[in-house]
Amino acid sequence: MRDRVRAPARGALIATTPQSRSSAELVEANRRFYDALWTDARLIPPDRFNTWPLAHSLAAAAPRRLEVAPGLRPRLPLAGTEFADVSAPALAKLRACGASAVFGMQPRSSLLLGLATWYLTHRREKAMWYYNRVFMPLGARFQTSLPRRRNQGSGQ
């Protein structure tokens, strides 16, 4: 016997699975969410977090630093760190506080991000070992300055 599926009520939101949306649609949904989140929020300086003593001591020894997707809750020092985010309000507020902030999210890296998320969810110890022993040393060695593109992250 077939199960009957009821149609959603008029005006009800229907959740879609990530597989049913394109990469561009996912990026746009993510950007809209974080733009709305950060529009009326204020930046919380990194020294307000309990991770500050460790982050500050490590950052002092690193000539080049990158923090990806900090929103308005960065953990690394604002001076001397490059910040990359997809939210124009977050970028504007980071810049207003003197931080170097650029628009950044590479949809081509979604496979790598998906794999990393799976490992963080299912094999946390292995993921953290890889991050600390492989990714961070390579990242510190090969990191280059982020390219700045006209009108990206400026809200235009």
C-alpha atoms as a PDB file:
ATOM      1  CA  MET A   1       0.000   0.000   0.000  1.00  0.00           C
ATOM      2  CA  ARG A   2       1.328   3.448  -0.892  1.00  0.00           C
ATOM      3  CA  ASP A   3       1.981   6.060   1.732  1.00  0.00           C
ATOM      4  CA  ARG A   4       0.075   9.252   1.227  1.00  0.00           C
ATOM      5  CA  VAL A   5       2.054  12.478   1.266  1.00  0.00           C
ATOM      6  CA  ARG A   6       0.206  15.590   2.286  1.00  0.00           C
ATOM      7  CA  ALA A   7       0.861  18.781   0.404  1.00  0.00           C
ATOM      8  CA  PRO A   8       2.354  21.582   2.519  1.00  0.00           C
ATOM      9  CA  ALA A   9       0.056  24.325   3.714  1.00  0.00           C
ATOM     10  CA  ARG A  10      -0.126  27.386   1.544  1.00  0.00           C
ATOM     11  CA  GLY A  11       2.797  29.692   2.296  1.00  0.00           C
ATOM     12  CA  ALA A  12       4.724  27.018   4.207  1.00  0.00           C
ATOM     13  CA  LEU A  13       8.471  26.932   3.753  1.00  0.00           C
ATOM     14  CA  ILE A  14       9.776  23.757   2.182  1.00  0.00           C
ATOM     15  CA  ALA A  15      13.327  22.787   3.053  1.00  0.00           C
ATOM     16  CA  THR A  16      15.457  21.808   0.117  1.00  0.00           C
ATOM     17  CA  THR A  17      18.418  19.500   0.322  1.00  0.00           C
ATOM     18  CA  PRO A  18      21.837  20.818  -0.699  1.00  0.00           C
ATOM     19  CA  GLN A  19      21.858  18.403  -3.633  1.00  0.00           C
ATOM     20  CA  SER A  20      18.833  20.145  -5.147  1.00  0.00           C
ATOM     21  CA  ARG A  21      20.526  23.565  -5.297  1.00  0.00           C
ATOM     22  CA  SER A  22      23.428  24.667  -7.431  1.00  0.00           C
ATOM     23  CA  SER A  23      26.690  25.930  -5.978  1.00  0.00           C
ATOM     24  CA  ALA A  24      25.759  29.481  -6.954  1.00  0.00           C
ATOM     25  CA  GLU A  25      22.427  29.176  -5.134  1.00  0.00           C
ATOM     26  CA  LEU A  26      24.141  27.853  -2.007  1.00  0.00           C
ATOM     27  CA  VAL A  27      26.705  30.661  -2.048  1.00  0.00           C
ATOM     28  CA  GLU A  28      23.937  33.237  -2.465  1.00  0.00           C
ATOM     29  CA  ALA A  29      21.847  31.733   0.368  1.00  0.00           C
ATOM     30  CA  ASN A  30      24.927  31.735   2.613  1.00  0.00           C
ATOM     31  CA  ARG A  31      25.736  35.355   1.739  1.00  0.00           C
ATOM     32  CA  ARG A  32      22.147  36.521   2.392  1.00  0.00           C
ATOM     33  CA  PHE A  33      22.070  34.757   5.763  1.00  0.00           C
ATOM     34  CA  TYR A  34      25.336  36.266   6.992  1.00  0.00           C
ATOM     35  CA  ASP A  35      24.603  39.727   5.579  1.00  0.00           C
ATOM     36  CA  ALA A  36      21.389  39.759   7.616  1.00  0.00           C
ATOM     37  CA  LEU A  37      23.191  38.405  10.686  1.00  0.00           C
ATOM     38  CA  TRP A  38      26.034  40.959  10.672  1.00  0.00           C
ATOM     39  CA  THR A  39      24.104  44.057   9.505  1.00  0.00           C
ATOM     40  CA  ASP A  40      23.023  45.168  12.991  1.00  0.00           C
ATOM     41  CA  ALA A  41      25.763  43.395  14.959  1.00  0.00           C
ATOM     42  CA  ARG A  42      28.895  45.001  16.319  1.00  0.00           C
ATOM     43  CA  LEU A  43      32.432  43.725  16.101  1.00  0.00           C
ATOM     44  CA  ILE A  44      33.665  41.928  19.205  1.00  0.00           C
ATOM     45  CA  PRO A  45      37.436  42.446  19.427  1.00  0.00           C
ATOM     46  CA  PRO A  46      39.597  39.311  19.566  1.00  0.00           C
ATOM     47  CA  ASP A  47      40.983  40.162  22.992  1.00  0.00           C
ATOM     48  CA  ARG A  48      37.498  39.630  24.475  1.00  0.00           C
ATOM     49  CA  PHE A  49      37.627  35.866  23.786  1.00  0.00           C
ATOM     50  CA  ASN A  50      39.225  33.290  26.082  1.00  0.00           C
ATOM     51  CA  THR A  51      41.401  32.148  23.159  1.00  0.00           C
ATOM     52  CA  TRP A  52      43.172  35.537  23.012  1.00  0.00           C
ATOM     53  CA  PRO A  53      46.319  34.724  25.054  1.00  0.00           C
ATOM     54  CA  LEU A  54      47.121  31.721  22.861  1.00  0.00           C
ATOM     55  CA  ALA A  55      46.070  33.351  19.563  1.00  0.00           C
ATOM     56  CA  HIS A  56      48.013  36.528  20.385  1.00  0.00           C
ATOM     57  CA  SER A  57      51.217  34.661  21.255  1.00  0.00           C
ATOM     58  CA  LEU A  58      51.027  32.516  18.112  1.00  0.00           C
ATOM     59  CA  ALA A  59      50.135  35.499  15.924  1.00  0.00           C
ATOM     60  CA  ALA A  60      53.145  37.446  17.211  1.00  0.00           C
ATOM     61  CA  ALA A  61      55.425  34.756  15.754  1.00  0.00           C
ATOM     62  CA  ALA A  62      53.610  34.597  12.391  1.00  0.00           C
ATOM     63  CA  PRO A  63      54.565  37.302   9.895  1.00  0.00           C
ATOM     64  CA  ARG A  64      51.542  36.510   7.677  1.00  0.00           C
ATOM     65  CA  ARG A  65      48.136  35.541   8.958  1.00  0.00           C
ATOM     66  CA  LEU A  66      44.801  34.711   7.353  1.00  0.00           C
ATOM     67  CA  GLU A  67      41.463  34.224   9.074  1.00  0.00           C
ATOM     68  CA  VAL A  68      38.651  32.925   6.900  1.00  0.00           C
ATOM     69  CA  ALA A  69      35.006  33.767   7.629  1.00  0.00           C
ATOM     70  CA  PRO A  70      35.455  35.591  10.933  1.00  0.00           C
ATOM     71  CA  GLY A  71      32.279  37.621  10.523  1.00  0.00           C
ATOM     72  CA  LEU A  72      32.370  40.103  13.387  1.00  0.00           C
ATOM     73  CA  ARG A  73      33.967  37.642  15.808  1.00  0.00           C
ATOM     74  CA  PRO A  74      37.620  37.483  14.697  1.00  0.00           C
ATOM     75  CA  ARG A  75      40.023  35.530  16.877  1.00  0.00           C
ATOM     76  CA  LEU A  76      43.320  36.844  15.458  1.00  0.00           C
ATOM     77  CA  PRO A  77      44.678  40.378  15.982  1.00  0.00           C
ATOM     78  CA  LEU A  78      43.049  42.919  13.666  1.00  0.00           C
ATOM     79  CA  ALA A  79      46.404  44.526  12.821  1.00  0.00           C
ATOM     80  CA  GLY A  80      48.562  42.408  10.539  1.00  0.00           C
ATOM     81  CA  THR A  81      45.940  39.764   9.731  1.00  0.00           C
ATOM     82  CA  GLU A  82      44.166  39.338   6.394  1.00  0.00           C
ATOM     83  CA  PHE A  83      40.484  38.554   6.818  1.00  0.00           C
ATOM     84  CA  ALA A  84      38.379  36.929   4.087  1.00  0.00           C
ATOM     85  CA  ASP A  85      34.585  36.799   4.299  1.00  0.00           C
ATOM     86  CA  VAL A  86      31.531  36.768   2.022  1.00  0.00           C
ATOM     87  CA  SER A  87      29.491  39.236   4.061  1.00  0.00           C
ATOM     88  CA  ALA A  88      29.711  42.866   2.918  1.00  0.00           C
ATOM     89  CA  PRO A  89      28.501  44.231   6.305  1.00  0.00           C
ATOM     90  CA  ALA A  90      31.152  42.197   8.134  1.00  0.00           C
ATOM     91  CA  LEU A  91      33.872  43.336   5.726  1.00  0.00           C
ATOM     92  CA  ALA A  92      32.855  46.989   6.094  1.00  0.00           C
ATOM     93  CA  LYS A  93      32.910  46.820   9.892  1.00  0.00           C
ATOM     94  CA  LEU A  94      36.256  45.002   9.945  1.00  0.00           C
ATOM     95  CA  ARG A  95      37.722  47.674   7.646  1.00  0.00           C
ATOM     96  CA  ALA A  96      36.236  50.465   9.783  1.00  0.00           C
ATOM     97  CA  CYS A  97      38.262  49.069  12.715  1.00  0.00           C
ATOM     98  CA  GLY A  98      41.456  49.150  10.652  1.00  0.00           C
ATOM     99  CA  ALA A  99      41.556  45.502   9.603  1.00  0.00           C
ATOM    100  CA  SER A 100      42.568  44.344   6.143  1.00  0.00           C
ATOM    101  CA  ALA A 101      39.475  42.528   4.878  1.00  0.00           C
ATOM    102  CA  VAL A 102      38.722  41.137   1.426  1.00  0.00           C
ATOM    103  CA  PHE A 103      35.820  39.375  -0.203  1.00  0.00           C
ATOM    104  CA  GLY A 104      36.638  35.706  -0.393  1.00  0.00           C
ATOM    105  CA  MET A 105      35.052  32.324  -0.891  1.00  0.00           C
ATOM    106  CA  GLN A 106      36.071  29.902  -3.525  1.00  0.00           C
ATOM    107  CA  PRO A 107      33.174  27.669  -4.630  1.00  0.00           C
ATOM    108  CA  ARG A 108      35.707  25.379  -6.336  1.00  0.00           C
ATOM    109  CA  SER A 109      36.954  24.338  -2.924  1.00  0.00           C
ATOM    110  CA  SER A 110      33.557  22.919  -1.885  1.00  0.00           C
ATOM    111  CA  LEU A 111      34.725  19.294  -2.318  1.00  0.00           C
ATOM    112  CA  LEU A 112      37.643  19.890   0.026  1.00  0.00           C
ATOM    113  CA  LEU A 113      35.382  21.702   2.500  1.00  0.00           C
ATOM    114  CA  GLY A 114      32.878  18.842   2.364  1.00  0.00           C
ATOM    115  CA  LEU A 115      35.606  16.318   3.071  1.00  0.00           C
ATOM    116  CA  ALA A 116      36.964  18.415   5.932  1.00  0.00           C
ATOM    117  CA  THR A 117      33.481  18.772   7.418  1.00  0.00           C
ATOM    118  CA  TRP A 118      32.940  15.003   7.252  1.00  0.00           C
ATOM    119  CA  TYR A 119      36.248  14.384   9.053  1.00  0.00           C
ATOM    120  CA  LEU A 120      35.462  17.003  11.701  1.00  0.00           C
ATOM    121  CA  THR A 121      32.090  15.370  12.288  1.00  0.00           C
ATOM    122  CA  HIS A 122      33.135  11.700  12.191  1.00  0.00           C
ATOM    123  CA  ARG A 123      36.893  11.601  12.850  1.00  0.00           C
ATOM    124  CA  ARG A 124      37.651  14.724  14.873  1.00  0.00           C
ATOM    125  CA  GLU A 125      41.038  13.567  16.236  1.00  0.00           C
ATOM    126  CA  LYS A 126      42.309  12.650  12.781  1.00  0.00           C
ATOM    127  CA  ALA A 127      41.049  15.939  11.343  1.00  0.00           C
ATOM    128  CA  MET A 128      42.785  17.970  14.039  1.00  0.00           C
ATOM    129  CA  TRP A 129      46.007  15.974  13.626  1.00  0.00           C
ATOM    130  CA  TYR A 130      45.965  16.698   9.882  1.00  0.00           C
ATOM    131  CA  TYR A 131      45.173  20.369  10.449  1.00  0.00           C
ATOM    132  CA  ASN A 132      47.955  20.898  13.003  1.00  0.00           C
ATOM    133  CA  ARG A 133      50.649  18.713  11.412  1.00  0.00           C
ATOM    134  CA  VAL A 134      50.024  19.173   7.678  1.00  0.00           C
ATOM    135  CA  PHE A 135      47.729  22.048   6.758  1.00  0.00           C
ATOM    136  CA  MET A 136      49.035  24.765   9.112  1.00  0.00           C
ATOM    137  CA  PRO A 137      52.752  24.250   8.341  1.00  0.00           C
ATOM    138  CA  LEU A 138      52.027  24.172   4.595  1.00  0.00           C
ATOM    139  CA  GLY A 139      49.728  27.164   4.835  1.00  0.00           C
ATOM    140  CA  ALA A 140      52.318  29.178   6.738  1.00  0.00           C
ATOM    141  CA  ARG A 141      54.985  28.319   4.185  1.00  0.00           C
ATOM    142  CA  PHE A 142      52.999  28.912   0.977  1.00  0.00           C
ATOM    143  CA  GLN A 143      50.561  31.635   1.958  1.00  0.00           C
ATOM    144  CA  THR A 144      50.521  34.588  -0.392  1.00  0.00           C
ATOM    145  CA  SER A 145      48.786  37.919  -0.187  1.00  0.00           C
ATOM    146  CA  LEU A 146      45.126  37.866  -1.092  1.00  0.00           C
ATOM    147  CA  PRO A 147      44.296  39.626  -4.355  1.00  0.00           C
ATOM    148  CA  ARG A 148      42.026  42.619  -3.981  1.00  0.00           C
ATOM    149  CA  ARG A 149      39.411  43.046  -6.649  1.00  0.00           C
ATOM    150  CA  ARG A 150      37.522  46.213  -7.338  1.00  0.00           C
ATOM    151  CA  ASN A 151      33.959  46.318  -5.903  1.00  0.00           C
ATOM    152  CA  GLN A 152      34.152  42.924  -4.202  1.00  0.00           C
ATOM    153  CA  GLY A 153      32.834  43.059  -0.695  1.00  0.00           C
ATOM    154  CA  SER A 154      31.951  46.720  -1.001  1.00  0.00           C
ATOM    155  CA  GLY A 155      28.222  46.014  -1.115  1.00  0.00           C
ATOM    156  CA  GLN A 156      27.966  47.057  -4.766  1.00  0.00           C
END
